[in-house]
Protein backbone atom coordinates (compact mmCIF):
# COMPACT_ATOMS: atom_id res chain seq x y z
CA MET A 1 117.62 84.39 74.32
CA SER A 2 115.70 81.80 75.93
CA GLU A 3 112.15 80.85 75.24
CA THR A 4 110.87 82.83 78.09
CA GLY A 5 112.63 86.07 76.84
CA ALA A 6 115.36 86.10 79.59
CA ALA A 7 118.86 86.35 78.07
CA ILE A 8 121.40 83.83 79.40
CA VAL A 9 124.89 85.16 80.10
CA SER A 10 127.63 82.82 81.48
CA GLY A 11 124.95 80.79 83.37
CA SER A 12 123.15 83.72 84.64
CA GLU A 13 119.74 85.11 83.55
CA VAL A 14 119.55 88.77 82.22
CA ARG A 15 116.32 90.68 82.13
CA SER A 16 115.65 94.26 81.09
CA GLY A 17 112.74 96.73 81.75
CA GLY A 18 111.89 100.24 82.76
CA CYS A 19 109.04 102.71 82.93
CA LEU A 20 106.10 103.56 80.71
CA CYS A 21 107.92 106.52 79.03
CA GLY A 22 111.25 104.65 78.83
CA LYS A 23 113.23 107.32 80.92
CA VAL A 24 114.24 104.79 83.57
CA ARG A 25 115.73 101.85 82.20
CA PHE A 26 117.44 98.80 83.96
CA THR A 27 118.86 95.33 83.59
CA VAL A 28 119.08 92.83 86.40
CA ILE A 29 121.28 89.65 86.33
CA GLY A 30 120.54 86.76 88.55
CA PRO A 31 117.81 84.46 89.71
CA VAL A 32 114.48 85.56 90.64
CA ASP A 33 113.91 85.71 94.54
CA ASP A 34 110.69 85.14 96.21
CA PRO A 35 108.21 86.19 93.28
CA HIS A 36 105.08 87.27 95.16
CA ILE A 37 102.29 89.49 95.33
CA CYS A 38 101.75 91.78 98.20
CA ALA A 39 98.36 93.32 99.18
CA CYS A 40 99.72 95.56 101.87
CA LYS A 41 97.91 98.90 102.24
CA ASP A 42 101.04 100.58 101.02
CA CYS A 43 101.07 98.76 97.91
CA ALA A 44 97.64 98.94 97.29
CA LYS A 45 97.79 102.93 97.89
CA ARG A 46 100.71 103.68 95.91
CA SER A 47 99.62 101.52 92.95
CA GLY A 48 96.04 102.09 92.67
CA ALA A 49 95.06 98.56 92.71
CA PRO A 50 94.57 95.90 95.28
CA PHE A 51 98.04 94.28 95.05
CA GLN A 52 101.43 94.57 93.33
CA TRP A 53 103.42 91.67 91.98
CA TRP A 54 107.04 91.79 93.32
CA LEU A 55 110.30 89.84 92.36
CA GLY A 56 113.50 90.15 94.16
CA PHE A 57 116.98 90.02 92.33
CA PRO A 58 120.62 90.33 93.71
CA ILE A 59 121.32 94.08 94.01
CA SER A 60 124.70 93.37 92.76
CA GLY A 61 123.13 92.39 89.50
CA LEU A 62 121.16 95.67 88.98
CA GLU A 63 122.49 98.32 86.52
CA TRP A 64 120.59 101.47 85.79
CA THR A 65 120.93 101.96 81.78
CA GLY A 66 118.67 104.81 81.53
CA ALA A 67 117.73 107.31 84.12
CA GLU A 68 117.63 106.09 87.83
CA PRO A 69 114.26 106.48 89.51
CA THR A 70 113.33 109.06 91.74
CA TRP A 71 113.10 107.45 95.54
CA PHE A 72 110.29 108.05 98.08
CA ASP A 73 110.78 106.87 101.60
CA THR A 74 107.52 104.66 102.16
CA HIS A 75 108.94 103.84 105.47
CA PRO A 76 111.53 106.54 106.37
CA GLY A 77 114.98 105.21 107.27
CA LYS A 78 113.80 101.84 106.46
CA THR A 79 112.47 101.33 102.96
CA ALA A 80 112.30 103.38 99.48
CA ARG A 81 110.28 102.93 96.58
CA GLY A 82 111.41 103.96 93.15
CA PHE A 83 109.33 105.47 90.53
CA CYS A 84 109.84 107.41 87.23
CA PRO A 85 109.53 111.12 87.77
CA ASP A 86 108.07 111.73 84.52
CA CYS A 87 105.41 109.16 83.91
CA GLY A 88 105.06 107.93 87.50
CA SER A 89 105.69 104.20 86.82
CA HIS A 90 106.49 102.36 89.93
CA ILE A 91 109.85 100.31 89.32
CA ALA A 92 111.46 99.15 92.63
CA ALA A 93 111.57 98.77 96.41
CA LEU A 94 115.14 99.19 98.51
CA ASP A 95 115.64 98.42 102.21
CA TYR A 96 118.33 100.95 103.36
CA ASP A 97 120.05 98.37 105.45
CA HIS A 98 121.04 96.20 102.36
CA GLU A 99 124.57 94.95 102.27
CA GLY A 100 126.64 92.90 99.70
CA ASP A 101 124.29 90.69 97.72
CA SER A 102 121.16 91.60 99.23
CA VAL A 103 117.87 91.80 97.15
CA ILE A 104 116.26 94.63 95.50
CA GLY A 105 112.56 94.38 94.65
CA ILE A 106 111.58 94.96 91.07
CA LEU A 107 107.95 95.11 90.19
CA ALA A 108 107.31 92.34 87.78
CA THR A 109 105.32 94.40 85.31
CA ALA A 110 108.26 96.72 84.99
CA LEU A 111 110.28 93.85 83.20
CA ASP A 112 109.87 93.94 79.36
CA ARG A 113 109.07 90.55 79.14
CA HIS A 114 106.99 89.64 82.54
CA ASP A 115 104.13 87.87 80.64
CA THR A 116 106.41 85.21 78.96
CA ASP A 117 108.76 84.23 81.91
CA PRO A 118 107.81 81.01 84.11
CA ALA A 119 110.35 82.04 86.61
CA LEU A 120 108.21 85.28 87.51
CA ILE A 121 104.89 83.32 88.63
CA PRO A 122 104.27 84.21 92.14
CA THR A 123 104.81 81.64 94.67
CA ASN A 124 102.73 83.18 97.63
CA LEU A 125 100.38 86.10 98.41
CA ASN A 126 101.68 88.31 101.14
CA ARG A 127 99.15 90.00 103.61
CA LEU A 128 95.94 88.57 102.08
CA PRO A 129 94.11 89.50 105.38
CA LYS A 130 94.94 93.26 104.70
CA ALA A 131 93.67 93.11 101.14
CA ALA A 132 90.44 94.38 99.71
CA PRO A 133 87.78 92.09 101.39
CA TRP A 134 86.12 91.22 97.99
CA LEU A 135 89.51 89.59 97.02
CA ALA A 136 88.97 86.65 99.26
CA GLN A 137 85.70 85.93 98.08
CA GLY A 138 85.10 83.07 95.63
CA SER A 139 83.31 83.61 92.60
């Protein structure tokens, strides 16, 4: 286990996570892709917060180790969002046109050690103009 909480297996990082009640569990192997915060209206409405913190991982490195989430077509025929059917925790996003080593979006807060892993620090803020207006105000 590295000091960040990500295990290293044969040169690949391994992270685990799941929902609040523990029914949905997963492991992802591979590098973090595009750690970002999204402030679009869909993320805000679904989460009840002004934004969500997303991470990409190679879909080939994803294994559901507990129950698989229930999927909701956020954008029918294009994108689905995964959540726990018992506790309602938001877990993942998946585009239907994924192929091969495409990426699955995982919410950073679904990872067990999201607070200690520097690879998860967001590198951009998507859709800030669509965010709650008070987010753009200085303090």
